[in-house]
């Protein structure tokens, strides 16, 4: 029996886009899983704690004695919303993380894996971001994630908890119907025969990573007991214009582009080095075209019609 099969795992945000797949991965590995989120998990074999992690009582109910690992995915992740609401972003992304880390300390949790972001590095131009890049975040979102990383590092150093911040690039994949990031906006525009707004001239570079690759990376970090920051990404940067072209090829839609001014905090490039993750055995399996091919079926007109027919 592997380590994960003996484990009691808490997944915060376990009803979300990434969380649902992480929960299934741990259940498949034979783990005892608790989910804490604003809405309960639909998985039949989990313990649900429903509530807001900004409430200390919710955190205390979720982190039971005997919990061996916390996978902390819950966060406010929208960059522009973080600019509008920096205090709310801090309360969820930093203060709740501190509460969970303290519960991990007092209740003997062995491992704490924090979902972070390459936005902690800020604007490095076209330089390659590594785990050693200085942290100079541009937005409250990036700043609160950087603060969470520092807290996790301190708890690891002082109290012996195995803490790891897994820094995601732009995550996409099936299950994004309700999200408002660029890929689902592209898919909805293709379905509805509309155009898409692109910030700036569309030459800015982005690293897209499929959600199934992220889940595989999280499981790998857990199984290897890796500590410190680890970048989980696709490992290949493409321009926003190239993403639009790939979406046209996958969906068959025209997807006319309207260029609009860039928003505050918009980075000209996200180019990352995933050699540390590769050294652990991480291997991304999707390129942008094959990955978008897994997303489009949930947005295609036939899928929308089927959902409308379902009572």
Protein backbone atom coordinates (compact mmCIF):
# COMPACT_ATOMS: atom_id res chain seq x y z
CA UNK A 1 0.00 0.00 0.00
CA UNK A 2 1.49 3.36 -1.07
CA UNK A 3 1.81 6.38 1.17
CA UNK A 4 -1.16 8.12 -0.39
CA UNK A 5 -3.36 5.08 0.25
CA UNK A 6 -2.79 5.41 4.00
CA UNK A 7 -3.39 9.13 3.95
CA UNK A 8 -6.17 11.36 5.13
CA UNK A 9 -6.21 14.21 2.64
CA UNK A 10 -7.88 17.61 2.90
CA UNK A 11 -8.49 19.39 -0.42
CA UNK A 12 -9.54 23.02 -0.06
CA UNK A 13 -11.48 24.23 -3.08
CA UNK A 14 -12.18 20.59 -3.85
CA UNK A 15 -15.42 21.38 -5.69
CA UNK A 16 -13.68 23.73 -8.12
CA UNK A 17 -12.23 23.33 -11.59
CA UNK A 18 -8.87 21.88 -10.51
CA UNK A 19 -10.07 20.58 -7.16
CA UNK A 20 -12.61 18.14 -8.59
CA UNK A 21 -9.88 16.35 -10.52
CA UNK A 22 -7.44 16.39 -7.61
CA UNK A 23 -10.11 14.81 -5.39
CA UNK A 24 -10.73 12.06 -7.95
CA UNK A 25 -7.00 11.37 -8.22
CA UNK A 26 -6.65 10.90 -4.46
CA UNK A 27 -9.80 8.79 -4.28
CA UNK A 28 -8.43 6.59 -7.08
CA UNK A 29 -5.25 6.21 -5.04
CA UNK A 30 -7.30 4.93 -2.11
CA UNK A 31 -6.99 8.00 0.12
CA UNK A 32 -9.55 9.19 2.68
CA UNK A 33 -10.55 12.62 1.31
CA UNK A 34 -12.19 15.64 2.96
CA UNK A 35 -13.31 18.58 0.80
CA UNK A 36 -13.83 22.09 2.16
CA UNK A 37 -15.46 24.53 -0.24
CA UNK A 38 -18.36 26.94 -0.59
CA UNK A 39 -20.37 24.10 -2.11
CA UNK A 40 -20.12 20.37 -1.36
CA UNK A 41 -18.28 17.96 -3.59
CA UNK A 42 -20.44 15.76 -5.79
CA UNK A 43 -18.12 12.80 -5.20
CA UNK A 44 -19.92 10.16 -3.11
CA UNK A 45 -16.93 8.99 -1.10
CA UNK A 46 -15.72 12.24 0.47
CA UNK A 47 -16.34 14.04 3.74
CA UNK A 48 -17.70 17.52 3.02
CA UNK A 49 -17.16 20.66 5.07
CA UNK A 50 -19.18 23.45 3.47
CA UNK A 51 -18.26 27.03 4.23
CA UNK A 52 -15.92 29.96 3.74
CA UNK A 53 -12.27 29.45 4.74
CA UNK A 54 -12.16 33.03 6.01
CA UNK A 55 -14.22 31.66 8.92
CA UNK A 56 -11.76 30.08 11.41
CA UNK A 57 -14.45 27.65 12.56
CA UNK A 58 -14.71 26.24 9.03
CA UNK A 59 -10.95 25.71 8.90
CA UNK A 60 -10.97 24.07 12.31
CA UNK A 61 -13.73 21.67 11.27
CA UNK A 62 -11.89 20.76 8.08
CA UNK A 63 -8.43 20.06 9.55
CA UNK A 64 -9.17 17.12 11.81
CA UNK A 65 -6.50 15.38 13.90
CA UNK A 66 -5.03 12.62 11.76
CA UNK A 67 -5.06 14.65 8.55
CA UNK A 68 -1.76 13.86 6.83
CA UNK A 69 -1.75 16.27 3.88
CA UNK A 70 -3.50 19.51 2.98
CA UNK A 71 -3.82 20.39 -0.71
CA UNK A 72 -4.67 24.10 -0.52
CA UNK A 73 -6.31 25.12 -3.81
CA UNK A 74 -9.01 27.51 -2.57
CA UNK A 75 -8.24 31.11 -3.51
CA UNK A 76 -9.43 34.21 -5.23
CA UNK A 77 -7.67 33.72 -8.58
CA UNK A 78 -8.93 36.54 -10.80
CA UNK A 79 -6.19 39.15 -11.19
CA UNK A 80 -8.51 42.04 -12.10
CA UNK A 81 -10.89 41.22 -9.23
CA UNK A 82 -7.93 41.27 -6.84
CA UNK A 83 -7.19 44.84 -7.93
CA UNK A 84 -10.79 45.80 -7.21
CA UNK A 85 -10.88 43.99 -3.85
CA UNK A 86 -7.39 43.76 -2.33
CA UNK A 87 -8.68 43.26 1.22
CA UNK A 88 -10.95 40.36 0.30
CA UNK A 89 -8.09 38.86 -1.72
CA UNK A 90 -5.77 39.08 1.28
CA UNK A 91 -8.35 37.56 3.62
CA UNK A 92 -8.79 34.44 1.49
CA UNK A 93 -5.39 34.04 -0.15
CA UNK A 94 -3.15 34.94 2.79
CA UNK A 95 -5.01 35.02 6.11
CA UNK A 96 -6.89 31.76 5.49
CA UNK A 97 -3.60 30.16 4.41
CA UNK A 98 -2.02 31.26 7.68
CA UNK A 99 -4.96 29.78 9.62
CA UNK A 100 -4.61 26.45 7.82
CA UNK A 101 -0.85 26.35 8.38
CA UNK A 102 -1.29 26.96 12.10
CA UNK A 103 -3.86 24.16 12.26
CA UNK A 104 -1.42 21.95 10.36
CA UNK A 105 1.20 22.72 13.02
CA UNK A 106 -1.03 22.11 16.02
CA UNK A 107 -2.74 19.02 14.61
CA UNK A 108 0.30 17.18 13.29
CA UNK A 109 -0.26 17.48 9.53
CA UNK A 110 2.77 16.11 7.69
CA UNK A 111 2.53 17.90 4.34
CA UNK A 112 1.06 21.15 3.00
CA UNK A 113 0.91 21.76 -0.75
CA UNK A 114 -0.06 25.31 -1.70
CA UNK A 115 -1.40 26.22 -5.13
CA UNK A 116 0.54 29.30 -6.17
CA UNK A 117 1.27 31.13 -9.41
CA UNK A 118 4.10 32.42 -11.54
CA UNK A 119 2.54 35.86 -11.03
CA UNK A 120 4.58 36.01 -7.81
CA UNK A 121 7.55 36.91 -10.03
CA UNK A 122 5.87 39.96 -11.54
CA UNK A 123 6.98 41.46 -14.85
CA UNK A 124 10.35 40.03 -15.90
CA UNK A 125 9.95 41.07 -19.52
CA UNK A 126 10.89 38.17 -21.78
CA UNK A 127 13.24 36.59 -19.24
CA UNK A 128 12.62 33.00 -18.22
CA UNK A 129 10.98 32.52 -14.82
CA UNK A 130 12.52 29.88 -12.57
CA UNK A 131 11.99 28.94 -8.94
CA UNK A 132 14.92 31.24 -8.11
CA UNK A 133 13.45 34.36 -9.74
CA UNK A 134 13.02 37.15 -7.13
CA UNK A 135 9.42 37.74 -6.09
CA UNK A 136 8.17 41.15 -7.27
CA UNK A 137 4.40 40.73 -7.77
CA UNK A 138 2.42 43.38 -9.64
CA UNK A 139 -1.08 42.80 -8.25
CA UNK A 140 -2.79 41.93 -4.97
CA UNK A 141 -3.34 38.43 -6.38
CA UNK A 142 0.38 37.86 -6.96
CA UNK A 143 1.30 39.55 -3.68
CA UNK A 144 -1.07 37.45 -1.57
CA UNK A 145 0.20 34.26 -3.20
CA UNK A 146 3.80 35.32 -2.56
CA UNK A 147 2.88 35.96 1.08
CA UNK A 148 1.33 32.50 1.28
CA UNK A 149 4.52 30.99 -0.09
CA UNK A 150 6.60 32.80 2.55
CA UNK A 151 4.32 31.59 5.34
CA UNK A 152 4.52 28.02 4.05
CA UNK A 153 8.31 28.25 3.84
CA UNK A 154 8.51 29.50 7.44
CA UNK A 155 6.26 26.74 8.77
CA UNK A 156 8.34 24.20 6.90
CA UNK A 157 11.59 25.52 8.34
CA UNK A 158 10.35 26.00 11.92
CA UNK A 159 7.98 23.11 12.44
CA UNK A 160 9.09 20.35 10.07
CA UNK A 161 5.98 20.35 7.88
CA UNK A 162 6.80 19.37 4.30
CA UNK A 163 5.60 22.49 2.51
CA UNK A 164 5.62 22.98 -1.24
CA UNK A 165 4.28 25.87 -3.32
CA UNK A 166 3.31 24.58 -6.76
CA UNK A 167 3.31 27.55 -9.12
CA UNK A 168 0.79 27.12 -11.91
CA UNK A 169 0.86 28.87 -15.25
CA UNK A 170 -2.48 29.41 -17.09
CA UNK A 171 -4.51 26.28 -16.34
CA UNK A 172 -7.21 25.15 -18.76
CA UNK A 173 -9.12 21.99 -19.61
CA UNK A 174 -12.52 20.33 -19.31
CA UNK A 175 -14.80 21.71 -16.61
CA UNK A 176 -14.32 25.40 -17.39
CA UNK A 177 -17.88 26.17 -18.53
CA UNK A 178 -18.53 28.62 -15.69
CA UNK A 179 -15.12 30.32 -15.62
CA UNK A 180 -14.33 33.71 -17.13
CA UNK A 181 -10.70 33.33 -18.18
CA UNK A 182 -9.50 33.65 -21.78
CA UNK A 183 -9.98 30.02 -22.91
CA UNK A 184 -13.65 29.71 -21.87
CA UNK A 185 -14.33 33.16 -23.33
CA UNK A 186 -12.85 31.89 -26.61
CA UNK A 187 -14.99 28.77 -26.49
CA UNK A 188 -18.19 30.70 -25.81
CA UNK A 189 -17.41 33.15 -28.62
CA UNK A 190 -16.85 30.24 -31.02
CA UNK A 191 -20.10 28.60 -29.95
CA UNK A 192 -22.14 31.81 -30.29
CA UNK A 193 -20.55 33.02 -33.51
CA UNK A 194 -19.08 36.12 -31.86
CA UNK A 195 -15.68 37.77 -31.82
CA UNK A 196 -13.18 37.93 -28.97
CA UNK A 197 -11.43 40.83 -27.27
CA UNK A 198 -7.66 40.59 -27.02
CA UNK A 199 -5.68 42.88 -24.74
CA UNK A 200 -2.99 44.78 -26.64
CA UNK A 201 -1.67 43.45 -29.94
CA UNK A 202 -1.91 39.77 -28.97
CA UNK A 203 1.83 39.13 -29.20
CA UNK A 204 2.17 38.69 -25.44
CA UNK A 205 3.35 35.19 -24.57
CA UNK A 206 1.54 32.78 -22.28
CA UNK A 207 2.28 29.30 -20.97
CA UNK A 208 -0.88 27.19 -20.94
CA UNK A 209 -1.02 23.97 -18.97
CA UNK A 210 -3.75 21.36 -19.10
CA UNK A 211 -5.57 20.60 -15.85
CA UNK A 212 -4.75 16.89 -16.11
CA UNK A 213 -1.04 17.74 -16.24
CA UNK A 214 -1.47 19.94 -13.16
CA UNK A 215 -3.15 17.09 -11.27
CA UNK A 216 -0.37 14.71 -12.26
CA UNK A 217 2.18 17.26 -11.05
CA UNK A 218 0.45 17.70 -7.68
CA UNK A 219 0.33 13.95 -7.14
CA UNK A 220 4.01 13.70 -8.07
CA UNK A 221 5.00 16.45 -5.63
CA UNK A 222 3.05 14.68 -2.88
CA UNK A 223 4.47 11.22 -3.59
CA UNK A 224 8.07 12.48 -3.73
CA UNK A 225 7.75 14.66 -0.63
CA UNK A 226 9.16 17.62 -2.55
CA UNK A 227 9.53 20.90 -0.66
CA UNK A 228 10.04 24.49 -1.73
CA UNK A 229 8.57 26.10 -4.86
CA UNK A 230 8.01 24.01 -7.99
CA UNK A 231 6.76 25.41 -11.30
CA UNK A 232 4.07 23.28 -12.96
CA UNK A 233 3.41 24.50 -16.49
CA UNK A 234 3.17 23.43 -20.10
CA UNK A 235 6.80 24.33 -20.70
CA UNK A 236 6.06 26.05 -24.02
CA UNK A 237 5.00 29.68 -24.39
CA UNK A 238 2.68 30.72 -27.21
CA UNK A 239 1.29 34.11 -28.18
CA UNK A 240 -2.31 35.05 -27.51
CA UNK A 241 -2.72 35.37 -31.27
CA UNK A 242 -1.53 31.76 -31.66
CA UNK A 243 -4.06 30.65 -29.05
CA UNK A 244 -6.83 32.29 -31.10
CA UNK A 245 -5.59 30.54 -34.26
CA UNK A 246 -5.56 27.18 -32.45
CA UNK A 247 -9.12 27.82 -31.24
CA UNK A 248 -10.21 28.58 -34.81
CA UNK A 249 -8.68 25.29 -35.98
CA UNK A 250 -10.33 23.26 -33.21
CA UNK A 251 -13.79 24.88 -33.34
CA UNK A 252 -14.07 25.81 -37.02
CA UNK A 253 -15.32 29.28 -35.98
CA UNK A 254 -14.08 32.54 -37.51
CA UNK A 255 -13.46 34.21 -34.12
CA UNK A 256 -12.80 37.79 -35.29
CA UNK A 257 -10.50 39.69 -32.91
CA UNK A 258 -11.03 43.14 -31.39
CA UNK A 259 -7.85 44.57 -29.89
CA UNK A 260 -8.43 46.58 -26.69
CA UNK A 261 -6.00 48.33 -24.33
CA UNK A 262 -4.13 46.10 -21.91
CA UNK A 263 -5.25 46.08 -18.27
CA UNK A 264 -3.06 46.95 -15.26
CA UNK A 265 -0.93 43.99 -14.22
CA UNK A 266 -0.87 42.51 -17.73
CA UNK A 267 2.55 40.92 -18.32
CA UNK A 268 4.13 41.00 -21.79
CA UNK A 269 5.38 37.44 -21.47
CA UNK A 270 5.20 34.37 -19.27
CA UNK A 271 8.10 32.08 -20.11
CA UNK A 272 8.89 29.46 -17.49
CA UNK A 273 11.50 26.80 -16.88
CA UNK A 274 10.02 23.48 -15.75
CA UNK A 275 13.31 21.59 -15.50
CA UNK A 276 12.93 21.16 -11.72
CA UNK A 277 9.52 19.50 -12.17
CA UNK A 278 10.85 17.41 -15.05
CA UNK A 279 13.61 16.20 -12.73
CA UNK A 280 10.89 14.80 -10.46
CA UNK A 281 9.34 12.95 -13.40
CA UNK A 282 6.79 15.56 -14.48
CA UNK A 283 5.97 15.41 -18.20
CA UNK A 284 3.24 17.61 -19.78
CA UNK A 285 1.14 15.59 -22.22
CA UNK A 286 -0.95 18.25 -24.04
CA UNK A 287 -0.01 20.91 -26.56
CA UNK A 288 -2.40 23.82 -27.14
CA UNK A 289 -4.31 22.20 -30.02
CA UNK A 290 -4.81 18.81 -28.39
CA UNK A 291 -5.66 20.51 -25.10
CA UNK A 292 -8.29 22.78 -26.64
CA UNK A 293 -9.72 19.69 -28.28
CA UNK A 294 -10.62 18.42 -24.79
CA UNK A 295 -12.32 21.72 -23.88
CA UNK A 296 -14.44 22.43 -26.96
CA UNK A 297 -16.87 19.46 -26.64
CA UNK A 298 -18.33 20.99 -23.43
CA UNK A 299 -19.00 24.30 -25.22
CA UNK A 300 -19.98 23.04 -28.69
CA UNK A 301 -23.58 23.84 -29.82
CA UNK A 302 -24.56 20.17 -29.49
CA UNK A 303 -23.44 20.15 -25.85
CA UNK A 304 -25.33 23.36 -25.10
CA UNK A 305 -28.49 22.00 -26.68
CA UNK A 306 -28.20 18.79 -24.68
CA UNK A 307 -27.92 20.76 -21.41
CA UNK A 308 -31.04 22.76 -22.30
CA UNK A 309 -33.00 19.56 -22.99
CA UNK A 310 -32.05 18.03 -19.64
CA UNK A 311 -34.87 18.61 -17.12
